[in-house]
Amino acid sequence: AWFPAFAAPRMRAGVAVAITLVLIVYAAVLAQLWQPKGLFLLCDVLLHYVTPLLFVLWWLVAGADGSTRWRDISWWMIYPIAYLAYALLRAPIAGEVPYPFLDVSKHGAASVAVSALAITGLFLMLCIVAVLVDHGVTRIRAARVRPR
């Protein structure tokens, strides 16, 4: 692996959380903003629906191993917070934002803050679910293997 840290089971759980957030935010908020056709539609479906679902399914079947810890959530939170900071700092320089709900000039700082807090809260909830699922899947596997 080029980046061995990303191959670690605990990091894979964090990636599963991040890609799940992509699926949810895209489906709930962003998909209505455009109507792709042809190859763009195929790419849209593959990137925003199929890939996240396949990764999470793979993680559930082969990646979840019970190694996640509650403290991992603090590491997983770095990515969305850093991305938010990057997007907000870049916007005035580039004159564009990656997502309409981050447009301070159009919606105001308060609205953007509410959106950012809501998405961060959703990410945090997904992190909690990931830790619980990671440990739950491991217990289920152990129970199936354990002789009776």
Foldseek 3Di string as FASTA:
>chain_A
DVDVVCVALQNLLLVLLVLVLLLVCCVPPVVVVDDDDDPVVVVCCCRRPVVSVVSNVCCLVPRQALPHDPVSLVVSLVVLVVVLVVQQVCCVVVVDGPDPQCPCVVPNPVSNVVVSVVSSVSSSVSSVVSNVSSNVSNVVVVVVPDDD
